[in-house]
C-alpha atoms as a PDB file:
ATOM      1  CA  MET A   1       8.517  41.357  46.236  1.00  0.00           C
ATOM      2  CA  GLY A   2      10.694  38.255  46.396  1.00  0.00           C
ATOM      3  CA  SER A   3       9.361  36.876  49.715  1.00  0.00           C
ATOM      4  CA  PHE A   4       7.356  33.656  49.499  1.00  0.00           C
ATOM      5  CA  ILE A   5       3.585  33.842  49.999  1.00  0.00           C
ATOM      6  CA  ASP A   6       1.648  30.651  49.285  1.00  0.00           C
ATOM      7  CA  LEU A   7      -1.070  31.472  46.742  1.00  0.00           C
ATOM      8  CA  THR A   8      -2.285  27.901  46.116  1.00  0.00           C
ATOM      9  CA  ASN A   9      -6.096  27.714  45.656  1.00  0.00           C
ATOM     10  CA  LYS A  10      -6.453  31.478  45.964  1.00  0.00           C
ATOM     11  CA  THR A  11      -8.453  33.352  43.315  1.00  0.00           C
ATOM     12  CA  PHE A  12      -7.445  36.636  41.716  1.00  0.00           C
ATOM     13  CA  GLY A  13     -10.015  37.995  39.307  1.00  0.00           C
ATOM     14  CA  ARG A  14     -10.656  35.153  36.866  1.00  0.00           C
ATOM     15  CA  LEU A  15      -7.522  33.248  37.867  1.00  0.00           C
ATOM     16  CA  THR A  16      -7.359  30.435  40.405  1.00  0.00           C
ATOM     17  CA  VAL A  17      -3.861  29.383  41.452  1.00  0.00           C
ATOM     18  CA  ILE A  18      -3.181  25.678  40.957  1.00  0.00           C
ATOM     19  CA  SER A  19       0.424  25.268  42.032  1.00  0.00           C
ATOM     20  CA  ILE A  20       3.913  26.767  42.014  1.00  0.00           C
ATOM     21  CA  SER A  21       5.461  26.967  38.563  1.00  0.00           C
ATOM     22  CA  HIS A  22       8.988  28.114  39.395  1.00  0.00           C
ATOM     23  CA  LYS A  23      11.125  30.712  41.115  1.00  0.00           C
ATOM     24  CA  GLY A  24      12.543  33.271  38.709  1.00  0.00           C
ATOM     25  CA  SER A  25      15.395  35.720  39.000  1.00  0.00           C
ATOM     26  CA  HIS A  26      15.535  38.107  41.969  1.00  0.00           C
ATOM     27  CA  GLY A  27      13.414  35.708  44.037  1.00  0.00           C
ATOM     28  CA  VAL A  28      10.247  36.243  41.984  1.00  0.00           C
ATOM     29  CA  TRP A  29       7.716  33.393  42.226  1.00  0.00           C
ATOM     30  CA  PHE A  30       5.619  32.253  39.274  1.00  0.00           C
ATOM     31  CA  TRP A  31       2.371  30.282  39.621  1.00  0.00           C
ATOM     32  CA  ASN A  32       0.344  27.913  37.448  1.00  0.00           C
ATOM     33  CA  CYS A  33      -3.180  29.308  37.164  1.00  0.00           C
ATOM     34  CA  ARG A  34      -6.484  28.223  35.676  1.00  0.00           C
ATOM     35  CA  CYS A  35      -8.528  30.997  34.105  1.00  0.00           C
ATOM     36  CA  ALA A  36     -12.329  31.046  34.266  1.00  0.00           C
ATOM     37  CA  CYS A  37     -12.306  30.686  30.472  1.00  0.00           C
ATOM     38  CA  GLY A  38     -10.517  27.330  30.826  1.00  0.00           C
ATOM     39  CA  ASN A  39      -7.004  28.347  29.813  1.00  0.00           C
ATOM     40  CA  ILE A  40      -3.981  27.333  31.883  1.00  0.00           C
ATOM     41  CA  CYS A  41      -1.322  30.010  32.234  1.00  0.00           C
ATOM     42  CA  VAL A  42       1.714  30.997  34.299  1.00  0.00           C
ATOM     43  CA  LYS A  43       1.586  34.307  36.164  1.00  0.00           C
ATOM     44  CA  ARG A  44       3.907  36.268  38.421  1.00  0.00           C
ATOM     45  CA  GLY A  45       2.757  36.149  42.040  1.00  0.00           C
ATOM     46  CA  TYR A  46       3.403  39.826  42.654  1.00  0.00           C
ATOM     47  CA  HIS A  47       1.171  40.792  39.723  1.00  0.00           C
ATOM     48  CA  LEU A  48      -1.603  38.521  40.992  1.00  0.00           C
ATOM     49  CA  ARG A  49      -1.491  40.034  44.462  1.00  0.00           C
ATOM     50  CA  ASN A  50      -1.368  43.663  43.350  1.00  0.00           C
ATOM     51  CA  GLY A  51      -4.301  43.192  40.971  1.00  0.00           C
ATOM     52  CA  SER A  52      -2.487  44.006  37.736  1.00  0.00           C
ATOM     53  CA  THR A  53      -3.116  40.476  36.416  1.00  0.00           C
ATOM     54  CA  LYS A  54      -6.716  39.252  36.500  1.00  0.00           C
ATOM     55  CA  SER A  55      -7.010  36.764  33.636  1.00  0.00           C
ATOM     56  CA  CYS A  56      -5.083  34.757  31.072  1.00  0.00           C
ATOM     57  CA  GLY A  57      -5.572  37.638  28.648  1.00  0.00           C
ATOM     58  CA  CYS A  58      -9.225  36.994  27.813  1.00  0.00           C
ATOM     59  CA  LEU A  59     -10.409  39.869  30.004  1.00  0.00           C
ATOM     60  CA  GLU A  60      -8.236  42.356  28.114  1.00  0.00           C
ATOM     61  CA  LYS A  61      -9.615  41.046  24.830  1.00  0.00           C
ATOM     62  CA  GLU A  62     -13.206  41.401  26.036  1.00  0.00           C
ATOM     63  CA  ASN A  63     -12.516  44.941  27.208  1.00  0.00           C
ATOM     64  CA  LEU A  64     -11.151  45.805  23.764  1.00  0.00           C
ATOM     65  CA  GLU A  65     -14.203  44.267  22.128  1.00  0.00           C
ATOM     66  CA  ARG A  66     -16.456  46.259  24.409  1.00  0.00           C
ATOM     67  CA  LEU A  67     -14.493  49.432  23.690  1.00  0.00           C
ATOM     68  CA  HIS A  68     -14.923  49.031  19.949  1.00  0.00           C
ATOM     69  CA  GLY A  69     -18.518  47.879  20.318  1.00  0.00           C
ATOM     70  CA  THR A  70     -17.960  44.735  18.299  1.00  0.00           C
ATOM     71  CA  GLN A  71     -16.133  41.463  18.480  1.00  0.00           C
ATOM     72  CA  ILE A  72     -12.535  41.710  17.346  1.00  0.00           C
ATOM     73  CA  LYS A  73     -11.953  39.397  14.443  1.00  0.00           C
ATOM     74  CA  HIS A  74      -8.577  38.512  12.995  1.00  0.00           C
ATOM     75  CA  HIS A  75      -9.167  38.077   9.275  1.00  0.00           C
ATOM     76  CA  GLN A  76      -5.599  36.829   9.181  1.00  0.00           C
ATOM     77  CA  SER A  77      -6.190  33.995  11.639  1.00  0.00           C
ATOM     78  CA  LYS A  78      -4.847  31.511   9.104  1.00  0.00           C
ATOM     79  CA  ALA A  79      -1.918  33.701   8.084  1.00  0.00           C
ATOM     80  CA  PRO A  80       1.656  32.594   8.957  1.00  0.00           C
ATOM     81  CA  LEU A  81       2.286  35.518  11.329  1.00  0.00           C
ATOM     82  CA  TYR A  82      -0.852  34.763  13.325  1.00  0.00           C
ATOM     83  CA  LYS A  83       0.356  31.167  13.681  1.00  0.00           C
ATOM     84  CA  VAL A  84       3.744  32.448  14.909  1.00  0.00           C
ATOM     85  CA  TRP A  85       1.922  34.436  17.611  1.00  0.00           C
ATOM     86  CA  LYS A  86      -0.279  31.509  18.651  1.00  0.00           C
ATOM     87  CA  ALA A  87       2.704  29.134  18.829  1.00  0.00           C
ATOM     88  CA  MET A  88       4.665  31.637  20.936  1.00  0.00           C
ATOM     89  CA  LYS A  89       1.806  31.885  23.426  1.00  0.00           C
ATOM     90  CA  SER A  90       1.302  28.129  23.540  1.00  0.00           C
ATOM     91  CA  ARG A  91       4.902  27.225  24.394  1.00  0.00           C
ATOM     92  CA  CYS A  92       4.991  29.868  27.131  1.00  0.00           C
ATOM     93  CA  LEU A  93       1.532  29.375  28.654  1.00  0.00           C
ATOM     94  CA  ASN A  94       0.178  25.936  27.783  1.00  0.00           C
ATOM     95  CA  LEU A  95       1.360  23.309  30.274  1.00  0.00           C
ATOM     96  CA  ASN A  96       0.404  20.603  27.781  1.00  0.00           C
ATOM     97  CA  ASP A  97       2.558  21.985  24.977  1.00  0.00           C
ATOM     98  CA  LYS A  98       5.503  19.632  24.393  1.00  0.00           C
ATOM     99  CA  ARG A  99       7.822  22.673  24.241  1.00  0.00           C
ATOM    100  CA  TYR A 100       6.580  24.196  27.521  1.00  0.00           C
ATOM    101  CA  ALA A 101       9.528  22.818  29.526  1.00  0.00           C
ATOM    102  CA  ARG A 102      12.001  24.871  27.494  1.00  0.00           C
ATOM    103  CA  TYR A 103       9.911  28.048  27.573  1.00  0.00           C
ATOM    104  CA  GLY A 104       7.175  28.699  30.152  1.00  0.00           C
ATOM    105  CA  GLY A 105       8.572  25.935  32.345  1.00  0.00           C
ATOM    106  CA  ARG A 106      11.792  27.842  32.895  1.00  0.00           C
ATOM    107  CA  GLY A 107      10.264  31.290  33.206  1.00  0.00           C
ATOM    108  CA  ILE A 108      10.144  32.616  29.641  1.00  0.00           C
ATOM    109  CA  THR A 109       7.239  35.047  29.446  1.00  0.00           C
ATOM    110  CA  ILE A 110       5.606  37.319  26.859  1.00  0.00           C
ATOM    111  CA  CYS A 111       5.267  41.075  27.300  1.00  0.00           C
ATOM    112  CA  HIS A 112       1.791  42.274  28.206  1.00  0.00           C
ATOM    113  CA  ASP A 113       1.165  44.164  24.960  1.00  0.00           C
ATOM    114  CA  TRP A 114       1.783  41.079  22.830  1.00  0.00           C
ATOM    115  CA  ILE A 115       0.041  38.509  24.967  1.00  0.00           C
ATOM    116  CA  ALA A 116      -3.156  40.531  25.162  1.00  0.00           C
ATOM    117  CA  ASP A 117      -3.407  41.861  21.625  1.00  0.00           C
ATOM    118  CA  TYR A 118      -2.405  40.225  18.355  1.00  0.00           C
ATOM    119  CA  ALA A 119      -2.789  43.557  16.539  1.00  0.00           C
ATOM    120  CA  GLN A 120       0.042  45.096  18.559  1.00  0.00           C
ATOM    121  CA  PHE A 121       2.281  42.092  17.892  1.00  0.00           C
ATOM    122  CA  GLU A 122       1.444  42.261  14.193  1.00  0.00           C
ATOM    123  CA  ARG A 123       2.236  45.968  14.038  1.00  0.00           C
ATOM    124  CA  TRP A 124       5.637  45.459  15.665  1.00  0.00           C
ATOM    125  CA  ALA A 125       6.416  42.479  13.420  1.00  0.00           C
ATOM    126  CA  LEU A 126       5.663  44.306  10.180  1.00  0.00           C
ATOM    127  CA  GLU A 127       7.774  47.253  11.304  1.00  0.00           C
ATOM    128  CA  ASN A 128      10.703  45.040  12.292  1.00  0.00           C
ATOM    129  CA  GLY A 129      11.505  42.845   9.340  1.00  0.00           C
ATOM    130  CA  TYR A 130       8.828  40.159   9.312  1.00  0.00           C
ATOM    131  CA  ASP A 131       8.313  38.391   6.003  1.00  0.00           C
ATOM    132  CA  ALA A 132       6.615  35.131   5.038  1.00  0.00           C
ATOM    133  CA  GLY A 133       8.831  32.174   5.876  1.00  0.00           C
ATOM    134  CA  LEU A 134      10.459  33.833   8.889  1.00  0.00           C
ATOM    135  CA  THR A 135       9.879  32.978  12.537  1.00  0.00           C
ATOM    136  CA  ILE A 136      10.449  34.829  15.797  1.00  0.00           C
ATOM    137  CA  ASP A 137      13.756  34.388  17.646  1.00  0.00           C
ATOM    138  CA  ARG A 138      14.877  35.634  21.062  1.00  0.00           C
ATOM    139  CA  ILE A 139      18.300  37.321  20.955  1.00  0.00           C
ATOM    140  CA  ASP A 140      18.972  36.382  24.588  1.00  0.00           C
ATOM    141  CA  ASN A 141      17.872  32.759  24.947  1.00  0.00           C
ATOM    142  CA  ASP A 142      17.152  33.361  28.652  1.00  0.00           C
ATOM    143  CA  GLY A 143      15.198  36.538  27.952  1.00  0.00           C
ATOM    144  CA  ASN A 144      11.487  37.015  27.357  1.00  0.00           C
ATOM    145  CA  TYR A 145       9.420  37.623  24.246  1.00  0.00           C
ATOM    146  CA  CYS A 146       9.384  41.405  23.986  1.00  0.00           C
ATOM    147  CA  PRO A 147      10.325  44.011  21.332  1.00  0.00           C
ATOM    148  CA  GLU A 148      13.821  44.644  22.682  1.00  0.00           C
ATOM    149  CA  ASN A 149      14.741  40.929  22.744  1.00  0.00           C
ATOM    150  CA  CYS A 150      13.192  39.611  19.535  1.00  0.00           C
ATOM    151  CA  ARG A 151      13.947  39.486  15.835  1.00  0.00           C
ATOM    152  CA  PHE A 152      12.845  37.472  12.822  1.00  0.00           C
ATOM    153  CA  VAL A 153      15.051  34.747  11.337  1.00  0.00           C
ATOM    154  CA  THR A 154      14.657  31.772   9.033  1.00  0.00           C
ATOM    155  CA  ILE A 155      13.274  28.594  10.594  1.00  0.00           C
ATOM    156  CA  LYS A 156      16.578  26.849   9.809  1.00  0.00           C
ATOM    157  CA  LYS A 157      18.579  29.432  11.756  1.00  0.00           C
ATOM    158  CA  ASN A 158      16.112  29.390  14.634  1.00  0.00           C
ATOM    159  CA  ASN A 159      16.346  25.595  14.882  1.00  0.00           C
ATOM    160  CA  ARG A 160      20.140  25.834  14.885  1.00  0.00           C
ATOM    161  CA  ASN A 161      20.046  28.438  17.664  1.00  0.00           C
ATOM    162  CA  ASN A 162      17.688  26.246  19.691  1.00  0.00           C
ATOM    163  CA  SER A 163      19.844  23.142  19.285  1.00  0.00           C
ATOM    164  CA  MET A 164      22.862  25.072  20.563  1.00  0.00           C
ATOM    165  CA  THR A 165      21.072  26.463  23.626  1.00  0.00           C
ATOM    166  CA  LYS A 166      18.599  23.808  24.734  1.00  0.00           C
ATOM    167  CA  LEU A 167      20.404  23.221  27.998  1.00  0.00           C
ATOM    168  CA  ASN A 168      21.133  26.063  30.353  1.00  0.00           C
ATOM    169  CA  GLU A 169      20.746  26.826  34.035  1.00  0.00           C
ATOM    170  CA  GLY A 170      17.034  27.577  33.721  1.00  0.00           C
ATOM    171  CA  THR A 171      16.354  24.247  32.012  1.00  0.00           C
ATOM    172  CA  ALA A 172      18.449  22.426  34.624  1.00  0.00           C
ATOM    173  CA  LEU A 173      16.383  23.952  37.428  1.00  0.00           C
ATOM    174  CA  TYR A 174      13.206  22.855  35.662  1.00  0.00           C
ATOM    175  CA  VAL A 175      14.553  19.294  35.233  1.00  0.00           C
ATOM    176  CA  ARG A 176      15.378  18.940  38.947  1.00  0.00           C
ATOM    177  CA  ARG A 177      12.074  20.446  40.058  1.00  0.00           C
ATOM    178  CA  ARG A 178       9.970  18.378  37.672  1.00  0.00           C
ATOM    179  CA  TYR A 179      11.727  15.115  38.548  1.00  0.00           C
ATOM    180  CA  ALA A 180      11.343  15.823  42.269  1.00  0.00           C
ATOM    181  CA  GLN A 181       7.584  16.199  41.766  1.00  0.00           C
ATOM    182  CA  GLY A 182       7.446  12.574  40.590  1.00  0.00           C
ATOM    183  CA  GLY A 183       5.297  10.911  37.954  1.00  0.00           C
ATOM    184  CA  ILE A 184       7.889  11.168  35.196  1.00  0.00           C
ATOM    185  CA  THR A 185      10.923   9.089  34.234  1.00  0.00           C
ATOM    186  CA  GLN A 186      14.313  10.453  33.314  1.00  0.00           C
ATOM    187  CA  LYS A 187      13.772   9.198  29.759  1.00  0.00           C
ATOM    188  CA  GLU A 188      10.452  11.051  29.483  1.00  0.00           C
ATOM    189  CA  LEU A 189      11.988  14.188  30.968  1.00  0.00           C
ATOM    190  CA  ALA A 190      14.914  14.023  28.533  1.00  0.00           C
ATOM    191  CA  LYS A 191      12.499  13.888  25.607  1.00  0.00           C
ATOM    192  CA  GLN A 192      10.540  16.806  27.040  1.00  0.00           C
ATOM    193  CA  VAL A 193      13.560  19.120  27.226  1.00  0.00           C
ATOM    194  CA  GLY A 194      15.159  17.855  24.020  1.00  0.00           C
ATOM    195  CA  SER A 195      18.190  16.208  25.597  1.00  0.00           C
ATOM    196  CA  THR A 196      19.531  12.744  26.443  1.00  0.00           C
ATOM    197  CA  GLN A 197      18.682  10.586  29.437  1.00  0.00           C
ATOM    198  CA  GLN A 198      22.364  10.562  30.411  1.00  0.00           C
ATOM    199  CA  THR A 199      22.475  14.358  30.526  1.00  0.00           C
ATOM    200  CA  VAL A 200      19.239  14.546  32.510  1.00  0.00           C
ATOM    201  CA  SER A 201      20.630  12.020  34.978  1.00  0.00           C
ATOM    202  CA  LYS A 202      23.739  14.152  35.475  1.00  0.00           C
ATOM    203  CA  ILE A 203      21.605  17.246  36.063  1.00  0.00           C
ATOM    204  CA  ILE A 204      19.409  15.454  38.605  1.00  0.00           C
ATOM    205  CA  ASN A 205      22.506  14.184  40.426  1.00  0.00           C
ATOM    206  CA  ASN A 206      24.072  17.668  40.407  1.00  0.00           C
ATOM    207  CA  LYS A 207      26.923  16.680  38.101  1.00  0.00           C
ATOM    208  CA  LEU A 208      25.879  19.317  35.574  1.00  0.00           C
ATOM    209  CA  TRP A 209      24.654  22.878  36.207  1.00  0.00           C
ATOM    210  CA  ASN A 210      25.175  22.500  39.918  1.00  0.00           C
END
């Protein structure tokens, strides 16, 4: 499962692999993919090859729509909780999201049930303390978005948690990999990961998180 197989330019269902995203724990490779619907997402190589992942999530949605015989509509699409869900997906899957480096860029993923179906996320949220004004928080900052690792906290507390844990080994690996790819300055990279240029320089030169 952990052995390297180059998937660049290969197509799996609706997904075409663009490039390597990163290497996760236990030697698992993650890949940047473009879905036929236009979305950019990060997928585990093993899941691409075994056929369990075939789209960015749009295929699952279409299958649900087909099952119910009508288009699924979220009447709460402007509700705060729906925005929490959309923001969570964006920072983990959207390469253009300014927060991607600290989330999807270092391997943070979203469990299948949540990524494919807002209704399931909503059900869990309402059963686990969600209230207006709260936002989702990962208990283990290196863990994924899933029921066993998430809770709801105030935005102030979530921001404080983020400021205390912006830099860790996963972020350092992303910084070195992204800088090695070229096309970005240390100053730009520091802004992307929410740190200082001096700290980024130390990471790149293996003086921090070596």
